[in-house]
N, C-alpha and C. Protein backbone atom coordinates (compact mmCIF):
# COMPACT_ATOMS: atom_id res chain seq x y z
N UNK A 1 -28.34 6.58 38.03
CA UNK A 1 -27.67 6.27 36.78
C UNK A 1 -26.35 7.04 36.74
N UNK A 2 -25.28 6.34 36.51
CA UNK A 2 -23.96 6.97 36.50
C UNK A 2 -23.53 7.22 35.06
N UNK A 3 -23.05 8.42 34.80
CA UNK A 3 -22.62 8.78 33.44
C UNK A 3 -21.13 8.52 33.30
N UNK A 4 -20.77 8.11 32.14
CA UNK A 4 -19.35 7.88 31.84
C UNK A 4 -18.70 9.21 31.52
N UNK A 5 -17.82 9.67 32.40
CA UNK A 5 -17.18 10.97 32.21
C UNK A 5 -15.83 10.86 31.52
N UNK A 6 -15.38 9.65 31.27
CA UNK A 6 -14.11 9.44 30.58
C UNK A 6 -14.29 9.78 29.10
N UNK A 7 -13.34 10.51 28.51
CA UNK A 7 -13.46 10.78 27.08
C UNK A 7 -13.27 9.49 26.29
N UNK A 8 -14.02 9.36 25.23
CA UNK A 8 -13.89 8.17 24.39
C UNK A 8 -12.61 8.24 23.59
N UNK A 9 -11.90 7.15 23.57
CA UNK A 9 -10.66 7.07 22.80
C UNK A 9 -10.93 6.32 21.51
N UNK A 10 -10.42 6.86 20.45
CA UNK A 10 -10.56 6.18 19.17
C UNK A 10 -9.59 5.02 19.13
N UNK A 11 -10.09 3.85 18.81
CA UNK A 11 -9.22 2.69 18.67
C UNK A 11 -8.54 2.77 17.31
N UNK A 12 -7.28 2.42 17.29
CA UNK A 12 -6.53 2.42 16.04
C UNK A 12 -7.00 1.25 15.19
N UNK A 13 -7.46 1.57 14.00
CA UNK A 13 -7.96 0.54 13.11
C UNK A 13 -6.85 0.11 12.16
N UNK A 14 -6.73 -1.19 11.97
CA UNK A 14 -5.72 -1.72 11.06
C UNK A 14 -6.40 -2.57 10.00
N UNK A 15 -5.68 -2.81 8.92
CA UNK A 15 -6.18 -3.67 7.85
C UNK A 15 -5.20 -4.83 7.72
N UNK A 16 -5.72 -6.03 7.83
CA UNK A 16 -4.89 -7.22 7.67
C UNK A 16 -5.35 -7.93 6.39
N UNK A 17 -4.49 -7.94 5.37
CA UNK A 17 -4.90 -8.61 4.13
C UNK A 17 -5.06 -10.11 4.34
N UNK A 18 -5.99 -10.70 3.62
CA UNK A 18 -6.25 -12.14 3.68
C UNK A 18 -5.90 -12.79 2.35
N UNK A 19 -5.65 -14.08 2.38
CA UNK A 19 -5.32 -14.79 1.15
C UNK A 19 -3.95 -14.37 0.64
N UNK A 20 -3.79 -14.39 -0.64
CA UNK A 20 -2.51 -14.02 -1.25
C UNK A 20 -2.55 -12.54 -1.63
N UNK A 21 -2.57 -11.68 -0.58
CA UNK A 21 -2.67 -10.24 -0.80
C UNK A 21 -1.72 -9.49 0.13
N UNK A 22 -1.38 -8.28 -0.28
CA UNK A 22 -0.57 -7.38 0.54
C UNK A 22 -1.27 -6.03 0.61
N UNK A 23 -0.96 -5.27 1.65
CA UNK A 23 -1.48 -3.92 1.79
C UNK A 23 -0.36 -2.96 1.43
N UNK A 24 -0.60 -2.08 0.47
CA UNK A 24 0.44 -1.18 -0.06
C UNK A 24 -0.01 0.26 0.11
N UNK A 25 0.91 1.11 0.58
CA UNK A 25 0.69 2.56 0.62
C UNK A 25 1.30 3.12 -0.65
N UNK A 26 0.48 3.66 -1.51
CA UNK A 26 0.92 4.19 -2.80
C UNK A 26 1.82 5.41 -2.59
N UNK A 27 2.91 5.45 -3.34
CA UNK A 27 3.78 6.63 -3.33
C UNK A 27 3.02 7.82 -3.91
N UNK A 28 3.44 9.01 -3.54
CA UNK A 28 2.81 10.21 -4.08
C UNK A 28 3.05 10.30 -5.58
N UNK A 29 2.06 10.82 -6.28
CA UNK A 29 2.19 10.99 -7.73
C UNK A 29 3.27 12.02 -8.02
N UNK A 30 4.05 11.71 -9.05
CA UNK A 30 5.08 12.66 -9.46
C UNK A 30 4.45 13.74 -10.31
N UNK A 31 4.79 14.97 -10.01
CA UNK A 31 4.26 16.10 -10.77
C UNK A 31 5.25 16.57 -11.84
N UNK A 32 6.46 16.02 -11.77
CA UNK A 32 7.50 16.47 -12.69
C UNK A 32 8.50 15.33 -12.90
N UNK A 33 9.02 15.21 -14.13
CA UNK A 33 10.04 14.20 -14.41
C UNK A 33 11.38 14.69 -13.90
N UNK A 34 12.37 13.78 -13.86
CA UNK A 34 13.72 14.17 -13.43
C UNK A 34 14.31 15.24 -14.33
N UNK A 35 13.90 15.24 -15.58
CA UNK A 35 14.39 16.23 -16.54
C UNK A 35 13.69 17.57 -16.44
N UNK A 36 12.65 17.67 -15.58
CA UNK A 36 11.98 18.95 -15.38
C UNK A 36 10.69 19.12 -16.15
N UNK A 37 10.23 18.08 -16.84
CA UNK A 37 8.99 18.17 -17.61
C UNK A 37 7.80 18.00 -16.67
N UNK A 38 6.87 18.95 -16.69
CA UNK A 38 5.68 18.89 -15.84
C UNK A 38 4.71 17.86 -16.40
N UNK A 39 4.19 17.01 -15.52
CA UNK A 39 3.24 15.98 -15.94
C UNK A 39 1.81 16.45 -15.68
N UNK A 40 0.87 16.14 -16.59
CA UNK A 40 -0.51 16.54 -16.37
C UNK A 40 -1.12 15.78 -15.20
N UNK A 41 -2.09 16.40 -14.52
CA UNK A 41 -2.73 15.78 -13.36
C UNK A 41 -3.51 14.52 -13.71
N UNK A 42 -4.03 14.44 -14.93
CA UNK A 42 -4.85 13.30 -15.31
C UNK A 42 -4.05 12.16 -15.94
N UNK A 43 -2.72 12.21 -15.85
CA UNK A 43 -1.88 11.16 -16.40
C UNK A 43 -2.12 9.88 -15.63
N UNK A 44 -2.47 8.82 -16.34
CA UNK A 44 -2.73 7.55 -15.68
C UNK A 44 -1.68 6.55 -16.09
N UNK A 45 -0.84 6.15 -15.12
CA UNK A 45 0.21 5.18 -15.38
C UNK A 45 -0.29 3.84 -14.83
N UNK A 46 -0.31 2.77 -15.65
CA UNK A 46 -0.92 1.52 -15.21
C UNK A 46 -0.15 0.80 -14.10
N UNK A 47 1.14 1.05 -13.94
CA UNK A 47 1.92 0.43 -12.88
C UNK A 47 2.51 1.52 -12.01
N UNK A 48 2.35 1.39 -10.69
CA UNK A 48 2.81 2.43 -9.78
C UNK A 48 3.64 1.82 -8.65
N UNK A 49 4.31 2.70 -7.89
CA UNK A 49 5.14 2.23 -6.80
C UNK A 49 4.49 2.54 -5.45
N UNK A 50 4.95 1.81 -4.44
CA UNK A 50 4.45 2.02 -3.10
C UNK A 50 5.25 1.22 -2.09
N UNK A 51 4.88 1.34 -0.82
CA UNK A 51 5.52 0.64 0.30
C UNK A 51 4.56 -0.41 0.85
N UNK A 52 5.06 -1.59 1.13
CA UNK A 52 4.25 -2.64 1.73
C UNK A 52 4.02 -2.29 3.20
N UNK A 53 2.76 -2.17 3.58
CA UNK A 53 2.38 -1.86 4.96
C UNK A 53 2.17 -3.15 5.74
N UNK A 54 1.55 -4.15 5.10
CA UNK A 54 1.28 -5.43 5.75
C UNK A 54 1.20 -6.52 4.69
N UNK A 55 1.55 -7.73 5.10
CA UNK A 55 1.41 -8.90 4.23
C UNK A 55 0.49 -9.89 4.92
N UNK A 56 -0.24 -10.66 4.15
CA UNK A 56 -1.13 -11.66 4.74
C UNK A 56 -0.29 -12.78 5.36
N UNK A 57 -0.90 -13.53 6.25
CA UNK A 57 -0.22 -14.66 6.88
C UNK A 57 0.20 -15.68 5.83
N UNK A 58 -0.64 -15.88 4.84
CA UNK A 58 -0.34 -16.85 3.77
C UNK A 58 0.93 -16.45 3.01
N UNK A 59 1.10 -15.16 2.73
CA UNK A 59 2.31 -14.68 2.04
C UNK A 59 3.51 -14.74 2.96
N UNK A 60 3.35 -14.32 4.21
CA UNK A 60 4.46 -14.30 5.17
C UNK A 60 5.01 -15.70 5.43
N UNK A 61 4.16 -16.71 5.39
CA UNK A 61 4.59 -18.08 5.68
C UNK A 61 5.05 -18.84 4.44
N UNK A 62 5.08 -18.19 3.30
CA UNK A 62 5.46 -18.86 2.05
C UNK A 62 6.85 -18.42 1.60
N UNK A 63 7.66 -19.39 1.21
CA UNK A 63 8.99 -19.09 0.65
C UNK A 63 8.91 -18.69 -0.82
N UNK A 64 7.72 -18.83 -1.42
CA UNK A 64 7.54 -18.50 -2.84
C UNK A 64 7.49 -17.00 -3.10
N UNK A 65 7.25 -16.20 -2.06
CA UNK A 65 7.09 -14.76 -2.23
C UNK A 65 8.12 -14.01 -1.39
N UNK A 66 9.19 -13.50 -2.01
CA UNK A 66 10.23 -12.78 -1.25
C UNK A 66 9.84 -11.33 -0.99
N UNK A 67 8.77 -11.13 -0.28
CA UNK A 67 8.27 -9.78 -0.02
C UNK A 67 8.00 -9.65 1.47
N UNK A 68 8.38 -8.47 2.01
CA UNK A 68 8.24 -8.24 3.45
C UNK A 68 7.64 -6.86 3.69
N UNK A 69 7.20 -6.65 4.91
CA UNK A 69 6.70 -5.34 5.30
C UNK A 69 7.80 -4.30 5.08
N UNK A 70 7.45 -3.13 4.64
CA UNK A 70 8.31 -1.98 4.35
C UNK A 70 9.06 -2.07 3.03
N UNK A 71 8.94 -3.17 2.29
CA UNK A 71 9.57 -3.24 0.96
C UNK A 71 8.93 -2.21 0.05
N UNK A 72 9.74 -1.63 -0.82
CA UNK A 72 9.22 -0.74 -1.86
C UNK A 72 8.96 -1.61 -3.07
N UNK A 73 7.76 -1.50 -3.65
CA UNK A 73 7.36 -2.39 -4.73
C UNK A 73 6.78 -1.62 -5.91
N UNK A 74 6.77 -2.29 -7.03
CA UNK A 74 6.12 -1.82 -8.26
C UNK A 74 4.90 -2.71 -8.43
N UNK A 75 3.70 -2.10 -8.54
CA UNK A 75 2.50 -2.93 -8.65
C UNK A 75 1.51 -2.35 -9.65
N UNK A 76 0.65 -3.25 -10.14
CA UNK A 76 -0.41 -2.88 -11.06
C UNK A 76 -1.67 -2.70 -10.22
N UNK A 77 -2.24 -1.49 -10.16
CA UNK A 77 -3.40 -1.23 -9.30
C UNK A 77 -4.74 -1.69 -9.87
N UNK A 78 -4.74 -2.27 -11.07
CA UNK A 78 -6.00 -2.61 -11.73
C UNK A 78 -6.92 -3.48 -10.86
N UNK A 79 -6.38 -4.49 -10.20
CA UNK A 79 -7.20 -5.39 -9.38
C UNK A 79 -7.12 -5.07 -7.89
N UNK A 80 -6.50 -3.94 -7.56
CA UNK A 80 -6.35 -3.55 -6.16
C UNK A 80 -7.64 -2.93 -5.64
N UNK A 81 -7.85 -3.08 -4.34
CA UNK A 81 -9.02 -2.50 -3.69
C UNK A 81 -8.55 -1.34 -2.83
N UNK A 82 -9.00 -0.11 -3.12
CA UNK A 82 -8.57 1.03 -2.32
C UNK A 82 -9.18 1.00 -0.92
N UNK A 83 -8.39 1.42 0.07
CA UNK A 83 -8.84 1.51 1.46
C UNK A 83 -8.68 2.96 1.88
N UNK A 84 -9.77 3.61 2.24
CA UNK A 84 -9.73 5.02 2.62
C UNK A 84 -9.82 5.17 4.13
N UNK A 85 -8.68 5.46 4.77
CA UNK A 85 -8.67 5.76 6.20
C UNK A 85 -8.76 7.26 6.41
N UNK A 86 -7.94 7.98 5.68
CA UNK A 86 -7.87 9.42 5.81
C UNK A 86 -7.41 10.01 4.49
N UNK A 87 -7.75 11.25 4.21
CA UNK A 87 -7.34 11.88 2.95
C UNK A 87 -5.82 11.91 2.80
N UNK A 88 -5.36 11.61 1.61
CA UNK A 88 -3.93 11.66 1.32
C UNK A 88 -3.18 10.40 1.71
N UNK A 89 -3.85 9.45 2.32
CA UNK A 89 -3.21 8.20 2.72
C UNK A 89 -3.79 7.10 1.83
N UNK A 90 -3.18 6.89 0.67
CA UNK A 90 -3.74 5.97 -0.31
C UNK A 90 -3.22 4.56 -0.08
N UNK A 91 -4.09 3.71 0.45
CA UNK A 91 -3.76 2.32 0.72
C UNK A 91 -4.52 1.43 -0.24
N UNK A 92 -3.89 0.32 -0.65
CA UNK A 92 -4.51 -0.63 -1.56
C UNK A 92 -4.27 -2.05 -1.07
N UNK A 93 -5.33 -2.85 -1.04
CA UNK A 93 -5.19 -4.29 -0.83
C UNK A 93 -4.98 -4.86 -2.22
N UNK A 94 -3.80 -5.46 -2.44
CA UNK A 94 -3.38 -5.86 -3.77
C UNK A 94 -3.07 -7.35 -3.83
N UNK A 95 -3.59 -8.07 -4.83
CA UNK A 95 -3.21 -9.48 -5.00
C UNK A 95 -1.71 -9.57 -5.26
N UNK A 96 -1.07 -10.59 -4.71
CA UNK A 96 0.37 -10.73 -4.86
C UNK A 96 0.76 -10.87 -6.33
N UNK A 97 -0.13 -11.38 -7.16
CA UNK A 97 0.16 -11.53 -8.59
C UNK A 97 0.34 -10.17 -9.27
N UNK A 98 -0.21 -9.12 -8.68
CA UNK A 98 -0.10 -7.78 -9.27
C UNK A 98 1.10 -7.00 -8.75
N UNK A 99 1.87 -7.60 -7.85
CA UNK A 99 3.14 -7.00 -7.43
C UNK A 99 4.17 -7.53 -8.41
N UNK A 100 4.69 -6.63 -9.25
CA UNK A 100 5.55 -7.08 -10.36
C UNK A 100 7.04 -6.97 -10.06
N UNK A 101 7.43 -6.21 -9.03
CA UNK A 101 8.85 -6.07 -8.70
C UNK A 101 9.01 -5.56 -7.28
N UNK A 102 10.14 -5.93 -6.67
CA UNK A 102 10.53 -5.44 -5.35
C UNK A 102 11.85 -4.72 -5.52
N UNK A 103 11.95 -3.51 -5.01
CA UNK A 103 13.20 -2.75 -5.08
C UNK A 103 14.11 -3.20 -3.95
N UNK A 104 15.36 -3.54 -4.26
CA UNK A 104 16.33 -3.98 -3.25
C UNK A 104 17.59 -3.12 -3.34
N UNK A 105 18.23 -2.92 -2.20
CA UNK A 105 19.52 -2.22 -2.16
C UNK A 105 20.61 -3.22 -2.52
N UNK A 106 21.58 -2.76 -3.31
CA UNK A 106 22.72 -3.63 -3.61
C UNK A 106 23.60 -3.72 -2.41
N UNK A 107 24.14 -4.89 -2.14
CA UNK A 107 25.00 -5.07 -0.96
C UNK A 107 26.44 -5.08 -1.34
């Protein structure tokens, strides 16, 4: 019997959203306002910002949704499904209807 002496390599796991959904990495919570006011840790804001990590094939192939990978977006997390890969990396599978705005640079 021969033993496998090769070290096992962890395969990189990815999440591909299905249907009309996108995968968003939530921005870090702000601990202070621009004016210097400290925010409490339990402050719950219903709409938050993040970066699009992946879009479903259905969204990518549709002209109805002007959203792409790496876009910064404003979204409502109420119907989002959290994905826990590692601590501090907050990912959400979010219905496209809950993405309320895309931040764009002026040209």
